């Protein structure tokens, strides 16, 4: 897919938190993460606030 970058869960967390002292991910209104992977992959590893689409 052109223009799409894939990364693992820990890498995404690091990217989202690199400019702040405290993580804002637990705040429900901060960011809506949609995980489009298969349910098995989502269950194996995902950011706790992410929602699975499948």
PDB file of N, CA and C in Angstrom:
ATOM      1  N   UNK A   1       0.839  -1.179   0.000  1.00  0.00           N
ATOM      2  CA  UNK A   1       0.000   0.000   0.000  1.00  0.00           C
ATOM      3  C   UNK A   1       0.886   1.245   0.000  1.00  0.00           C
ATOM      4  N   UNK A   2       0.739   2.051  -0.989  1.00  0.00           N
ATOM      5  CA  UNK A   2       1.542   3.267  -1.104  1.00  0.00           C
ATOM      6  C   UNK A   2       1.171   4.268  -0.019  1.00  0.00           C
ATOM      7  N   UNK A   3       2.170   4.856   0.593  1.00  0.00           N
ATOM      8  CA  UNK A   3       1.931   5.867   1.607  1.00  0.00           C
ATOM      9  C   UNK A   3       1.541   5.334   2.964  1.00  0.00           C
ATOM     10  N   UNK A   4       1.569   4.032   3.149  1.00  0.00           N
ATOM     11  CA  UNK A   4       1.211   3.430   4.427  1.00  0.00           C
ATOM     12  C   UNK A   4       2.459   2.894   5.104  1.00  0.00           C
ATOM     13  N   UNK A   5       2.614   3.202   6.383  1.00  0.00           N
ATOM     14  CA  UNK A   5       3.736   2.697   7.154  1.00  0.00           C
ATOM     15  C   UNK A   5       3.195   1.790   8.245  1.00  0.00           C
ATOM     16  N   UNK A   6       3.736   0.604   8.325  1.00  0.00           N
ATOM     17  CA  UNK A   6       3.331  -0.337   9.356  1.00  0.00           C
ATOM     18  C   UNK A   6       4.381  -0.355  10.456  1.00  0.00           C
ATOM     19  N   UNK A   7       3.944  -0.453  11.704  1.00  0.00           N
ATOM     20  CA  UNK A   7       4.877  -0.545  12.822  1.00  0.00           C
ATOM     21  C   UNK A   7       4.256  -1.430  13.892  1.00  0.00           C
ATOM     22  N   UNK A   8       5.092  -1.889  14.821  1.00  0.00           N
ATOM     23  CA  UNK A   8       4.553  -2.736  15.879  1.00  0.00           C
ATOM     24  C   UNK A   8       4.002  -1.864  17.007  1.00  0.00           C
ATOM     25  N   UNK A   9       3.347  -2.496  17.959  1.00  0.00           N
ATOM     26  CA  UNK A   9       2.646  -1.785  19.027  1.00  0.00           C
ATOM     27  C   UNK A   9       3.593  -0.908  19.837  1.00  0.00           C
ATOM     28  N   UNK A  10       4.733  -1.457  20.246  1.00  0.00           N
ATOM     29  CA  UNK A  10       5.655  -0.678  21.078  1.00  0.00           C
ATOM     30  C   UNK A  10       6.234   0.511  20.311  1.00  0.00           C
ATOM     31  N   UNK A  11       6.498   0.341  19.031  1.00  0.00           N
ATOM     32  CA  UNK A  11       7.013   1.442  18.217  1.00  0.00           C
ATOM     33  C   UNK A  11       5.979   2.564  18.106  1.00  0.00           C
ATOM     34  N   UNK A  12       4.708   2.209  17.913  1.00  0.00           N
ATOM     35  CA  UNK A  12       3.657   3.220  17.828  1.00  0.00           C
ATOM     36  C   UNK A  12       3.515   3.969  19.148  1.00  0.00           C
ATOM     37  N   UNK A  13       3.565   3.262  20.265  1.00  0.00           N
ATOM     38  CA  UNK A  13       3.492   3.923  21.578  1.00  0.00           C
ATOM     39  C   UNK A  13       4.633   4.916  21.741  1.00  0.00           C
ATOM     40  N   UNK A  14       5.827   4.513  21.332  1.00  0.00           N
ATOM     41  CA  UNK A  14       6.981   5.409  21.430  1.00  0.00           C
ATOM     42  C   UNK A  14       6.805   6.641  20.553  1.00  0.00           C
ATOM     43  N   UNK A  15       6.290   6.466  19.357  1.00  0.00           N
ATOM     44  CA  UNK A  15       6.057   7.601  18.455  1.00  0.00           C
ATOM     45  C   UNK A  15       5.037   8.565  19.061  1.00  0.00           C
ATOM     46  N   UNK A  16       3.960   8.033  19.606  1.00  0.00           N
ATOM     47  CA  UNK A  16       2.901   8.876  20.160  1.00  0.00           C
ATOM     48  C   UNK A  16       3.341   9.612  21.422  1.00  0.00           C
ATOM     49  N   UNK A  17       4.305   9.051  22.157  1.00  0.00           N
ATOM     50  CA  UNK A  17       4.725   9.632  23.432  1.00  0.00           C
ATOM     51  C   UNK A  17       6.061  10.355  23.375  1.00  0.00           C
ATOM     52  N   UNK A  18       6.679  10.475  22.218  1.00  0.00           N
ATOM     53  CA  UNK A  18       8.038  10.994  22.161  1.00  0.00           C
ATOM     54  C   UNK A  18       8.176  12.472  22.534  1.00  0.00           C
ATOM     55  N   UNK A  19       7.117  13.246  22.469  1.00  0.00           N
ATOM     56  CA  UNK A  19       7.224  14.674  22.761  1.00  0.00           C
ATOM     57  C   UNK A  19       6.551  15.087  24.068  1.00  0.00           C
ATOM     58  N   UNK A  20       6.114  14.136  24.858  1.00  0.00           N
ATOM     59  CA  UNK A  20       5.463  14.470  26.124  1.00  0.00           C
ATOM     60  C   UNK A  20       6.118  13.712  27.263  1.00  0.00           C
ATOM     61  N   UNK A  21       5.988  14.242  28.457  1.00  0.00           N
ATOM     62  CA  UNK A  21       6.532  13.556  29.635  1.00  0.00           C
ATOM     63  C   UNK A  21       5.630  12.412  30.072  1.00  0.00           C
ATOM     64  N   UNK A  22       4.352  12.645  30.042  1.00  0.00           N
ATOM     65  CA  UNK A  22       3.382  11.650  30.489  1.00  0.00           C
ATOM     66  C   UNK A  22       2.567  11.157  29.308  1.00  0.00           C
ATOM     67  N   UNK A  23       2.270   9.881  29.324  1.00  0.00           N
ATOM     68  CA  UNK A  23       1.460   9.308  28.254  1.00  0.00           C
ATOM     69  C   UNK A  23       0.045   9.863  28.322  1.00  0.00           C
ATOM     70  N   UNK A  24      -0.485  10.244  27.178  1.00  0.00           N
ATOM     71  CA  UNK A  24      -1.866  10.712  27.121  1.00  0.00           C
ATOM     72  C   UNK A  24      -2.788   9.639  26.563  1.00  0.00           C
ATOM     73  N   UNK A  25      -2.242   8.481  26.202  1.00  0.00           N
ATOM     74  CA  UNK A  25      -3.062   7.418  25.623  1.00  0.00           C
ATOM     75  C   UNK A  25      -4.195   6.954  26.532  1.00  0.00           C
ATOM     76  N   UNK A  26      -4.005   6.868  27.853  1.00  0.00           N
ATOM     77  CA  UNK A  26      -5.127   6.424  28.692  1.00  0.00           C
ATOM     78  C   UNK A  26      -6.317   7.384  28.707  1.00  0.00           C
ATOM     79  N   UNK A  27      -6.122   8.637  28.309  1.00  0.00           N
ATOM     80  CA  UNK A  27      -7.225   9.600  28.285  1.00  0.00           C
ATOM     81  C   UNK A  27      -8.147   9.259  27.118  1.00  0.00           C
ATOM     82  N   UNK A  28      -9.376   8.958  27.417  1.00  0.00           N
ATOM     83  CA  UNK A  28     -10.316   8.451  26.421  1.00  0.00           C
ATOM     84  C   UNK A  28     -10.550   9.391  25.246  1.00  0.00           C
ATOM     85  N   UNK A  29     -10.495  10.682  25.456  1.00  0.00           N
ATOM     86  CA  UNK A  29     -10.773  11.633  24.381  1.00  0.00           C
ATOM     87  C   UNK A  29      -9.529  12.105  23.642  1.00  0.00           C
ATOM     88  N   UNK A  30      -8.371  11.538  23.937  1.00  0.00           N
ATOM     89  CA  UNK A  30      -7.127  11.987  23.312  1.00  0.00           C
ATOM     90  C   UNK A  30      -6.992  11.511  21.878  1.00  0.00           C
ATOM     91  N   UNK A  31      -7.255  10.238  21.641  1.00  0.00           N
ATOM     92  CA  UNK A  31      -6.966   9.658  20.341  1.00  0.00           C
ATOM     93  C   UNK A  31      -7.815   8.413  20.132  1.00  0.00           C
ATOM     94  N   UNK A  32      -8.348   8.261  18.946  1.00  0.00           N
ATOM     95  CA  UNK A  32      -9.098   7.053  18.595  1.00  0.00           C
ATOM     96  C   UNK A  32      -8.209   6.202  17.694  1.00  0.00           C
ATOM     97  N   UNK A  33      -7.748   5.080  18.212  1.00  0.00           N
ATOM     98  CA  UNK A  33      -6.906   4.168  17.439  1.00  0.00           C
ATOM     99  C   UNK A  33      -7.755   3.022  16.923  1.00  0.00           C
ATOM    100  N   UNK A  34      -7.742   2.820  15.625  1.00  0.00           N
ATOM    101  CA  UNK A  34      -8.466   1.723  14.992  1.00  0.00           C
ATOM    102  C   UNK A  34      -7.447   0.694  14.525  1.00  0.00           C
ATOM    103  N   UNK A  35      -7.570  -0.514  15.027  1.00  0.00           N
ATOM    104  CA  UNK A  35      -6.669  -1.608  14.664  1.00  0.00           C
ATOM    105  C   UNK A  35      -7.380  -2.472  13.632  1.00  0.00           C
ATOM    106  N   UNK A  36      -6.905  -2.449  12.402  1.00  0.00           N
ATOM    107  CA  UNK A  36      -7.580  -3.150  11.299  1.00  0.00           C
ATOM    108  C   UNK A  36      -7.063  -4.563  11.078  1.00  0.00           C
ATOM    109  N   UNK A  37      -6.229  -5.046  11.968  1.00  0.00           N
ATOM    110  CA  UNK A  37      -5.703  -6.408  11.813  1.00  0.00           C
ATOM    111  C   UNK A  37      -6.774  -7.438  12.157  1.00  0.00           C
ATOM    112  N   UNK A  38      -6.487  -8.688  11.828  1.00  0.00           N
ATOM    113  CA  UNK A  38      -7.399  -9.789  12.161  1.00  0.00           C
ATOM    114  C   UNK A  38      -7.537  -9.897  13.681  1.00  0.00           C
ATOM    115  N   UNK A  39      -8.664 -10.418  14.135  1.00  0.00           N
ATOM    116  CA  UNK A  39      -8.957 -10.496  15.565  1.00  0.00           C
ATOM    117  C   UNK A  39      -7.870 -11.233  16.349  1.00  0.00           C
ATOM    118  N   UNK A  40      -7.323 -12.300  15.780  1.00  0.00           N
ATOM    119  CA  UNK A  40      -6.272 -13.055  16.459  1.00  0.00           C
ATOM    120  C   UNK A  40      -5.022 -12.222  16.698  1.00  0.00           C
ATOM    121  N   UNK A  41      -4.631 -11.445  15.696  1.00  0.00           N
ATOM    122  CA  UNK A  41      -3.467 -10.564  15.846  1.00  0.00           C
ATOM    123  C   UNK A  41      -3.749  -9.472  16.872  1.00  0.00           C
ATOM    124  N   UNK A  42      -4.952  -8.928  16.833  1.00  0.00           N
ATOM    125  CA  UNK A  42      -5.354  -7.901  17.791  1.00  0.00           C
ATOM    126  C   UNK A  42      -5.309  -8.459  19.208  1.00  0.00           C
ATOM    127  N   UNK A  43      -5.846  -9.657  19.401  1.00  0.00           N
ATOM    128  CA  UNK A  43      -5.855 -10.272  20.723  1.00  0.00           C
ATOM    129  C   UNK A  43      -4.447 -10.575  21.225  1.00  0.00           C
ATOM    130  N   UNK A  44      -3.530 -10.883  20.309  1.00  0.00           N
ATOM    131  CA  UNK A  44      -2.159 -11.216  20.697  1.00  0.00           C
ATOM    132  C   UNK A  44      -1.393  -9.986  21.185  1.00  0.00           C
ATOM    133  N   UNK A  45      -1.653  -8.823  20.586  1.00  0.00           N
ATOM    134  CA  UNK A  45      -0.909  -7.620  20.945  1.00  0.00           C
ATOM    135  C   UNK A  45      -1.607  -6.391  20.382  1.00  0.00           C
ATOM    136  N   UNK A  46      -1.974  -5.477  21.254  1.00  0.00           N
ATOM    137  CA  UNK A  46      -2.567  -4.220  20.801  1.00  0.00           C
ATOM    138  C   UNK A  46      -2.408  -3.145  21.872  1.00  0.00           C
ATOM    139  N   UNK A  47      -2.518  -1.908  21.458  1.00  0.00           N
ATOM    140  CA  UNK A  47      -2.521  -0.803  22.410  1.00  0.00           C
ATOM    141  C   UNK A  47      -3.842  -0.856  23.152  1.00  0.00           C
ATOM    142  N   UNK A  48      -3.781  -0.709  24.448  1.00  0.00           N
ATOM    143  CA  UNK A  48      -4.942  -0.971  25.298  1.00  0.00           C
ATOM    144  C   UNK A  48      -6.174  -0.141  24.928  1.00  0.00           C
ATOM    145  N   UNK A  49      -5.995   1.045  24.393  1.00  0.00           N
ATOM    146  CA  UNK A  49      -7.149   1.879  24.039  1.00  0.00           C
ATOM    147  C   UNK A  49      -7.611   1.680  22.600  1.00  0.00           C
ATOM    148  N   UNK A  50      -6.916   0.848  21.838  1.00  0.00           N
ATOM    149  CA  UNK A  50      -7.281   0.619  20.433  1.00  0.00           C
ATOM    150  C   UNK A  50      -8.537  -0.237  20.323  1.00  0.00           C
ATOM    151  N   UNK A  51      -9.267  -0.032  19.267  1.00  0.00           N
ATOM    152  CA  UNK A  51     -10.465  -0.821  18.975  1.00  0.00           C
ATOM    153  C   UNK A  51     -10.223  -1.631  17.715  1.00  0.00           C
ATOM    154  N   UNK A  52     -10.699  -2.858  17.715  1.00  0.00           N
ATOM    155  CA  UNK A  52     -10.539  -3.730  16.553  1.00  0.00           C
ATOM    156  C   UNK A  52     -11.741  -3.578  15.637  1.00  0.00           C
ATOM    157  N   UNK A  53     -11.495  -3.574  14.329  1.00  0.00           N
ATOM    158  CA  UNK A  53     -12.572  -3.372  13.368  1.00  0.00           C
ATOM    159  C   UNK A  53     -13.215  -4.666  12.916  1.00  0.00           C
ATOM    160  N   UNK A  54     -12.602  -5.786  13.190  1.00  0.00           N
ATOM    161  CA  UNK A  54     -13.111  -7.051  12.661  1.00  0.00           C
ATOM    162  C   UNK A  54     -13.728  -7.911  13.723  1.00  0.00           C
TER     163      UNK A  54
END
